[in-house]
Amino acid sequence: MAAAKQRIPELSGIEFTGHASIAEYSGELRGLLRDVAYEIDFAAEEIQAVLARQKGHPLLLGLDVRLRARKVAKRLHRAQECVTGGAIEAVKFYREFRKQFAEVITPPKAKPRAFDFNDV
């Protein structure tokens, strides 16, 4: 998570001055969110393993504790899915920018007029 804290100022330091800066922002945002998603997923697995080792009801042989641990970890898995969705939206942000401003980024070339031999 320390890497994420260092990357947020880098992300906010990108000024939108042109196409390259928007592409850079989109890439940095995607990378940051993917790293956060990996961290959350790792934490979810770790918390489930730690909580599942606790003692539960003796007649249930620890099944109750494993179910409760899975329930707790499920919340982190949902958070991980949301952050992964944010990374996907960062890519879609750049793609939408290119779609909406394509003629500004790469203006269409003027086609030369074809010579008409049948013009009388």
N, C-alpha and C. Protein backbone atom coordinates (compact mmCIF):
# COMPACT_ATOMS: atom_id res chain seq x y z
N MET A 1 0.82 -1.20 0.00
CA MET A 1 0.00 0.00 0.00
C MET A 1 0.86 1.25 0.00
N ALA A 2 2.09 1.14 0.48
CA ALA A 2 2.97 2.31 0.51
C ALA A 2 3.25 2.81 -0.89
N ALA A 3 3.33 1.88 -1.84
CA ALA A 3 3.56 2.28 -3.23
C ALA A 3 2.38 3.09 -3.75
N ALA A 4 1.19 2.74 -3.32
CA ALA A 4 0.00 3.48 -3.77
C ALA A 4 0.01 4.90 -3.22
N LYS A 5 0.45 5.06 -1.97
CA LYS A 5 0.51 6.40 -1.38
C LYS A 5 1.52 7.28 -2.10
N GLN A 6 2.59 6.68 -2.59
CA GLN A 6 3.59 7.44 -3.32
C GLN A 6 3.10 7.79 -4.73
N ARG A 7 2.25 6.96 -5.30
CA ARG A 7 1.82 7.17 -6.68
C ARG A 7 0.67 8.15 -6.80
N ILE A 8 -0.08 8.38 -5.74
CA ILE A 8 -1.21 9.32 -5.82
C ILE A 8 -0.73 10.74 -6.11
N PRO A 9 0.32 11.25 -5.44
CA PRO A 9 0.80 12.59 -5.83
C PRO A 9 1.31 12.64 -7.27
N GLU A 10 1.90 11.55 -7.74
CA GLU A 10 2.32 11.51 -9.15
C GLU A 10 1.12 11.64 -10.06
N LEU A 11 0.04 10.98 -9.69
CA LEU A 11 -1.18 11.02 -10.49
C LEU A 11 -1.78 12.41 -10.50
N SER A 12 -1.82 13.04 -9.34
CA SER A 12 -2.40 14.38 -9.27
C SER A 12 -1.49 15.43 -9.88
N GLY A 13 -0.22 15.10 -10.05
CA GLY A 13 0.72 16.04 -10.64
C GLY A 13 0.66 16.10 -12.16
N ILE A 14 -0.08 15.20 -12.78
CA ILE A 14 -0.18 15.20 -14.25
C ILE A 14 -1.17 16.27 -14.67
N GLU A 15 -0.68 17.23 -15.44
CA GLU A 15 -1.55 18.30 -15.94
C GLU A 15 -2.09 17.89 -17.31
N PHE A 16 -3.35 18.18 -17.53
CA PHE A 16 -3.97 17.85 -18.81
C PHE A 16 -3.64 18.93 -19.82
N THR A 17 -2.56 18.71 -20.55
CA THR A 17 -2.13 19.69 -21.54
C THR A 17 -2.30 19.19 -22.97
N GLY A 18 -2.58 17.92 -23.13
CA GLY A 18 -2.73 17.39 -24.48
C GLY A 18 -3.01 15.90 -24.45
N HIS A 19 -2.94 15.32 -25.62
CA HIS A 19 -3.24 13.91 -25.80
C HIS A 19 -2.29 13.03 -24.99
N ALA A 20 -1.01 13.35 -24.99
CA ALA A 20 -0.03 12.53 -24.28
C ALA A 20 -0.29 12.54 -22.77
N SER A 21 -0.67 13.67 -22.23
CA SER A 21 -0.91 13.74 -20.79
C SER A 21 -2.16 12.95 -20.39
N ILE A 22 -3.17 12.95 -21.24
CA ILE A 22 -4.37 12.16 -20.95
C ILE A 22 -4.06 10.67 -21.02
N ALA A 23 -3.25 10.28 -22.00
CA ALA A 23 -2.83 8.88 -22.10
C ALA A 23 -2.00 8.47 -20.89
N GLU A 24 -1.11 9.35 -20.46
CA GLU A 24 -0.28 9.06 -19.29
C GLU A 24 -1.15 8.94 -18.03
N TYR A 25 -2.10 9.85 -17.86
CA TYR A 25 -2.99 9.81 -16.69
C TYR A 25 -3.79 8.52 -16.67
N SER A 26 -4.32 8.15 -17.80
CA SER A 26 -5.12 6.92 -17.89
C SER A 26 -4.28 5.70 -17.53
N GLY A 27 -3.07 5.63 -18.05
CA GLY A 27 -2.18 4.51 -17.76
C GLY A 27 -1.77 4.46 -16.31
N GLU A 28 -1.44 5.61 -15.74
CA GLU A 28 -1.05 5.65 -14.33
C GLU A 28 -2.22 5.28 -13.41
N LEU A 29 -3.41 5.78 -13.74
CA LEU A 29 -4.60 5.47 -12.94
C LEU A 29 -4.89 3.98 -12.98
N ARG A 30 -4.81 3.39 -14.16
CA ARG A 30 -5.05 1.96 -14.31
C ARG A 30 -4.04 1.17 -13.49
N GLY A 31 -2.77 1.53 -13.58
CA GLY A 31 -1.74 0.83 -12.82
C GLY A 31 -1.94 0.93 -11.32
N LEU A 32 -2.29 2.12 -10.87
CA LEU A 32 -2.54 2.33 -9.44
C LEU A 32 -3.71 1.48 -8.95
N LEU A 33 -4.81 1.50 -9.70
CA LEU A 33 -5.99 0.75 -9.27
C LEU A 33 -5.76 -0.76 -9.34
N ARG A 34 -4.98 -1.21 -10.31
CA ARG A 34 -4.67 -2.64 -10.37
C ARG A 34 -3.83 -3.07 -9.18
N ASP A 35 -2.87 -2.23 -8.79
CA ASP A 35 -2.06 -2.55 -7.61
C ASP A 35 -2.90 -2.60 -6.35
N VAL A 36 -3.82 -1.66 -6.21
CA VAL A 36 -4.71 -1.64 -5.05
C VAL A 36 -5.60 -2.88 -5.06
N ALA A 37 -6.09 -3.26 -6.23
CA ALA A 37 -6.94 -4.45 -6.33
C ALA A 37 -6.17 -5.71 -5.91
N TYR A 38 -4.91 -5.82 -6.34
CA TYR A 38 -4.11 -6.98 -5.94
C TYR A 38 -3.91 -7.01 -4.43
N GLU A 39 -3.66 -5.85 -3.85
CA GLU A 39 -3.45 -5.77 -2.40
C GLU A 39 -4.72 -6.18 -1.64
N ILE A 40 -5.87 -5.70 -2.10
CA ILE A 40 -7.14 -6.04 -1.44
C ILE A 40 -7.42 -7.53 -1.56
N ASP A 41 -7.16 -8.10 -2.73
CA ASP A 41 -7.39 -9.52 -2.92
C ASP A 41 -6.48 -10.35 -2.01
N PHE A 42 -5.24 -9.95 -1.90
CA PHE A 42 -4.31 -10.64 -1.01
C PHE A 42 -4.77 -10.53 0.45
N ALA A 43 -5.22 -9.35 0.84
CA ALA A 43 -5.69 -9.14 2.21
C ALA A 43 -6.93 -9.98 2.50
N ALA A 44 -7.81 -10.11 1.52
CA ALA A 44 -9.03 -10.90 1.71
C ALA A 44 -8.69 -12.37 1.97
N GLU A 45 -7.76 -12.89 1.19
CA GLU A 45 -7.36 -14.29 1.38
C GLU A 45 -6.68 -14.48 2.73
N GLU A 46 -5.85 -13.50 3.10
CA GLU A 46 -5.13 -13.60 4.37
C GLU A 46 -6.09 -13.51 5.56
N ILE A 47 -7.03 -12.59 5.51
CA ILE A 47 -7.97 -12.43 6.63
C ILE A 47 -8.87 -13.65 6.77
N GLN A 48 -9.24 -14.25 5.63
CA GLN A 48 -10.06 -15.45 5.70
C GLN A 48 -9.28 -16.60 6.33
N ALA A 49 -8.03 -16.73 5.98
CA ALA A 49 -7.21 -17.80 6.55
C ALA A 49 -7.01 -17.60 8.04
N VAL A 50 -6.76 -16.37 8.47
CA VAL A 50 -6.54 -16.08 9.89
C VAL A 50 -7.81 -16.31 10.70
N LEU A 51 -8.93 -15.82 10.19
CA LEU A 51 -10.19 -15.96 10.93
C LEU A 51 -10.68 -17.40 10.96
N ALA A 52 -10.40 -18.16 9.92
CA ALA A 52 -10.86 -19.56 9.86
C ALA A 52 -10.13 -20.44 10.87
N ARG A 53 -8.97 -20.00 11.37
CA ARG A 53 -8.22 -20.78 12.35
C ARG A 53 -8.71 -20.58 13.77
N GLN A 54 -9.66 -19.71 13.99
CA GLN A 54 -10.17 -19.46 15.34
C GLN A 54 -11.03 -20.64 15.78
N LYS A 55 -11.23 -20.75 17.08
CA LYS A 55 -12.03 -21.86 17.61
C LYS A 55 -13.51 -21.51 17.50
N GLY A 56 -14.26 -22.47 17.06
CA GLY A 56 -15.70 -22.30 16.94
C GLY A 56 -16.44 -23.22 17.89
N HIS A 57 -17.67 -23.46 17.58
CA HIS A 57 -18.49 -24.36 18.39
C HIS A 57 -17.95 -25.78 18.25
N PRO A 58 -17.75 -26.49 19.37
CA PRO A 58 -17.14 -27.83 19.30
C PRO A 58 -17.99 -28.85 18.54
N LEU A 59 -19.29 -28.72 18.59
CA LEU A 59 -20.14 -29.69 17.88
C LEU A 59 -20.19 -29.43 16.38
N LEU A 60 -19.86 -28.22 15.97
CA LEU A 60 -19.88 -27.91 14.53
C LEU A 60 -18.52 -28.10 13.87
N LEU A 61 -17.53 -28.50 14.67
CA LEU A 61 -16.18 -28.79 14.16
C LEU A 61 -15.55 -27.60 13.43
N GLY A 62 -15.87 -26.41 13.86
CA GLY A 62 -15.27 -25.21 13.26
C GLY A 62 -15.94 -24.73 11.99
N LEU A 63 -17.01 -25.38 11.58
CA LEU A 63 -17.70 -24.98 10.36
C LEU A 63 -18.29 -23.58 10.49
N ASP A 64 -18.78 -23.26 11.67
CA ASP A 64 -19.38 -21.93 11.89
C ASP A 64 -18.34 -20.82 11.73
N VAL A 65 -17.13 -21.07 12.21
CA VAL A 65 -16.07 -20.06 12.11
C VAL A 65 -15.64 -19.89 10.66
N ARG A 66 -15.52 -20.98 9.93
CA ARG A 66 -15.12 -20.88 8.52
C ARG A 66 -16.16 -20.13 7.70
N LEU A 67 -17.45 -20.35 8.00
CA LEU A 67 -18.51 -19.62 7.29
C LEU A 67 -18.48 -18.13 7.61
N ARG A 68 -18.27 -17.81 8.88
CA ARG A 68 -18.20 -16.39 9.25
C ARG A 68 -16.95 -15.73 8.66
N ALA A 69 -15.85 -16.46 8.62
CA ALA A 69 -14.62 -15.92 8.02
C ALA A 69 -14.82 -15.66 6.53
N ARG A 70 -15.50 -16.57 5.87
CA ARG A 70 -15.77 -16.39 4.44
C ARG A 70 -16.68 -15.19 4.20
N LYS A 71 -17.64 -14.99 5.10
CA LYS A 71 -18.55 -13.85 4.99
C LYS A 71 -17.80 -12.52 5.13
N VAL A 72 -16.86 -12.48 6.06
CA VAL A 72 -16.07 -11.27 6.27
C VAL A 72 -15.17 -11.02 5.04
N ALA A 73 -14.51 -12.06 4.57
CA ALA A 73 -13.61 -11.92 3.42
C ALA A 73 -14.36 -11.57 2.15
N LYS A 74 -15.62 -11.96 2.09
CA LYS A 74 -16.42 -11.67 0.90
C LYS A 74 -16.56 -10.16 0.69
N ARG A 75 -16.62 -9.41 1.77
CA ARG A 75 -16.70 -7.94 1.66
C ARG A 75 -15.46 -7.38 1.01
N LEU A 76 -14.29 -7.90 1.38
CA LEU A 76 -13.06 -7.44 0.74
C LEU A 76 -13.00 -7.87 -0.72
N HIS A 77 -13.51 -9.06 -1.02
CA HIS A 77 -13.54 -9.49 -2.41
C HIS A 77 -14.42 -8.56 -3.25
N ARG A 78 -15.53 -8.12 -2.67
CA ARG A 78 -16.39 -7.17 -3.38
C ARG A 78 -15.68 -5.84 -3.60
N ALA A 79 -14.95 -5.39 -2.60
CA ALA A 79 -14.18 -4.14 -2.74
C ALA A 79 -13.13 -4.30 -3.84
N GLN A 80 -12.50 -5.46 -3.90
CA GLN A 80 -11.50 -5.74 -4.93
C GLN A 80 -12.12 -5.70 -6.31
N GLU A 81 -13.32 -6.26 -6.45
CA GLU A 81 -14.01 -6.23 -7.73
C GLU A 81 -14.35 -4.81 -8.16
N CYS A 82 -14.74 -3.99 -7.19
CA CYS A 82 -15.06 -2.59 -7.50
C CYS A 82 -13.82 -1.83 -7.96
N VAL A 83 -12.70 -2.07 -7.30
CA VAL A 83 -11.47 -1.38 -7.68
C VAL A 83 -10.99 -1.88 -9.05
N THR A 84 -11.14 -3.16 -9.32
CA THR A 84 -10.81 -3.69 -10.64
C THR A 84 -11.69 -3.04 -11.69
N GLY A 85 -12.96 -2.84 -11.37
CA GLY A 85 -13.86 -2.13 -12.28
C GLY A 85 -13.40 -0.71 -12.52
N GLY A 86 -12.84 -0.07 -11.50
CA GLY A 86 -12.30 1.27 -11.68
C GLY A 86 -11.12 1.28 -12.63
N ALA A 87 -10.28 0.25 -12.57
CA ALA A 87 -9.15 0.14 -13.51
C ALA A 87 -9.65 -0.03 -14.94
N ILE A 88 -10.70 -0.81 -15.09
CA ILE A 88 -11.29 -0.99 -16.41
C ILE A 88 -11.88 0.31 -16.92
N GLU A 89 -12.51 1.06 -16.03
CA GLU A 89 -13.09 2.35 -16.44
C GLU A 89 -12.01 3.36 -16.81
N ALA A 90 -10.82 3.25 -16.22
CA ALA A 90 -9.71 4.13 -16.59
C ALA A 90 -9.33 3.90 -18.05
N VAL A 91 -9.33 2.65 -18.47
CA VAL A 91 -9.03 2.33 -19.87
C VAL A 91 -10.15 2.84 -20.76
N LYS A 92 -11.39 2.65 -20.32
CA LYS A 92 -12.54 3.11 -21.10
C LYS A 92 -12.56 4.63 -21.20
N PHE A 93 -12.07 5.33 -20.17
CA PHE A 93 -11.97 6.78 -20.20
C PHE A 93 -11.07 7.22 -21.35
N TYR A 94 -9.92 6.59 -21.48
CA TYR A 94 -9.00 6.96 -22.56
C TYR A 94 -9.58 6.60 -23.92
N ARG A 95 -10.22 5.43 -24.00
CA ARG A 95 -10.82 5.02 -25.27
C ARG A 95 -11.94 5.96 -25.69
N GLU A 96 -12.74 6.40 -24.72
CA GLU A 96 -13.82 7.34 -25.02
C GLU A 96 -13.26 8.70 -25.45
N PHE A 97 -12.18 9.12 -24.81
CA PHE A 97 -11.53 10.37 -25.22
C PHE A 97 -11.07 10.28 -26.67
N ARG A 98 -10.44 9.17 -27.01
CA ARG A 98 -9.97 9.01 -28.40
C ARG A 98 -11.13 8.94 -29.38
N LYS A 99 -12.22 8.34 -28.98
CA LYS A 99 -13.39 8.23 -29.86
C LYS A 99 -14.03 9.60 -30.08
N GLN A 100 -14.20 10.36 -29.01
CA GLN A 100 -14.90 11.64 -29.11
C GLN A 100 -14.05 12.73 -29.76
N PHE A 101 -12.74 12.64 -29.61
CA PHE A 101 -11.86 13.69 -30.13
C PHE A 101 -10.89 13.16 -31.18
N ALA A 102 -11.30 12.15 -31.92
CA ALA A 102 -10.43 11.54 -32.93
C ALA A 102 -10.06 12.52 -34.02
N GLU A 103 -11.01 13.33 -34.46
CA GLU A 103 -10.71 14.27 -35.55
C GLU A 103 -9.78 15.39 -35.10
N VAL A 104 -9.71 15.64 -33.81
CA VAL A 104 -8.78 16.65 -33.30
C VAL A 104 -7.39 16.04 -33.14
N ILE A 105 -7.34 14.78 -32.70
CA ILE A 105 -6.07 14.11 -32.48
C ILE A 105 -5.37 13.85 -33.82
N THR A 106 -6.09 13.23 -34.72
CA THR A 106 -5.54 12.97 -36.06
C THR A 106 -6.54 13.52 -37.07
N PRO A 107 -6.34 14.76 -37.51
CA PRO A 107 -7.29 15.33 -38.46
C PRO A 107 -7.31 14.56 -39.77
N PRO A 108 -8.48 14.45 -40.39
CA PRO A 108 -8.56 13.72 -41.65
C PRO A 108 -7.77 14.46 -42.74
N LYS A 109 -7.09 13.69 -43.56
CA LYS A 109 -6.31 14.28 -44.65
C LYS A 109 -7.24 14.66 -45.78
N ALA A 110 -6.96 15.80 -46.38
CA ALA A 110 -7.78 16.26 -47.51
C ALA A 110 -7.47 15.37 -48.72
N LYS A 111 -8.53 14.83 -49.30
CA LYS A 111 -8.36 13.97 -50.46
C LYS A 111 -8.21 14.84 -51.71
N PRO A 112 -7.24 14.52 -52.54
CA PRO A 112 -7.12 15.30 -53.77
C PRO A 112 -8.29 15.00 -54.70
N ARG A 113 -8.73 16.02 -55.39
CA ARG A 113 -9.85 15.83 -56.31
C ARG A 113 -9.42 14.99 -57.48
N ALA A 114 -10.21 14.01 -57.80
CA ALA A 114 -9.90 13.14 -58.93
C ALA A 114 -10.20 13.88 -60.24
N PHE A 115 -9.37 13.64 -61.21
CA PHE A 115 -9.55 14.28 -62.51
C PHE A 115 -10.64 13.54 -63.26
N ASP A 116 -11.58 14.30 -63.80
CA ASP A 116 -12.72 13.73 -64.52
C ASP A 116 -12.51 13.92 -66.01
N PHE A 117 -12.26 12.83 -66.72
CA PHE A 117 -12.03 12.90 -68.16
C PHE A 117 -13.33 13.09 -68.94
N ASN A 118 -14.46 12.74 -68.37
CA ASN A 118 -15.74 12.83 -69.08
C ASN A 118 -16.43 14.16 -68.88
N ASP A 119 -15.78 15.11 -68.28
CA ASP A 119 -16.38 16.41 -68.04
C ASP A 119 -16.33 17.21 -69.34
N VAL A 120 -17.46 17.47 -69.92
CA VAL A 120 -17.51 18.19 -71.19
C VAL A 120 -18.23 19.50 -71.03
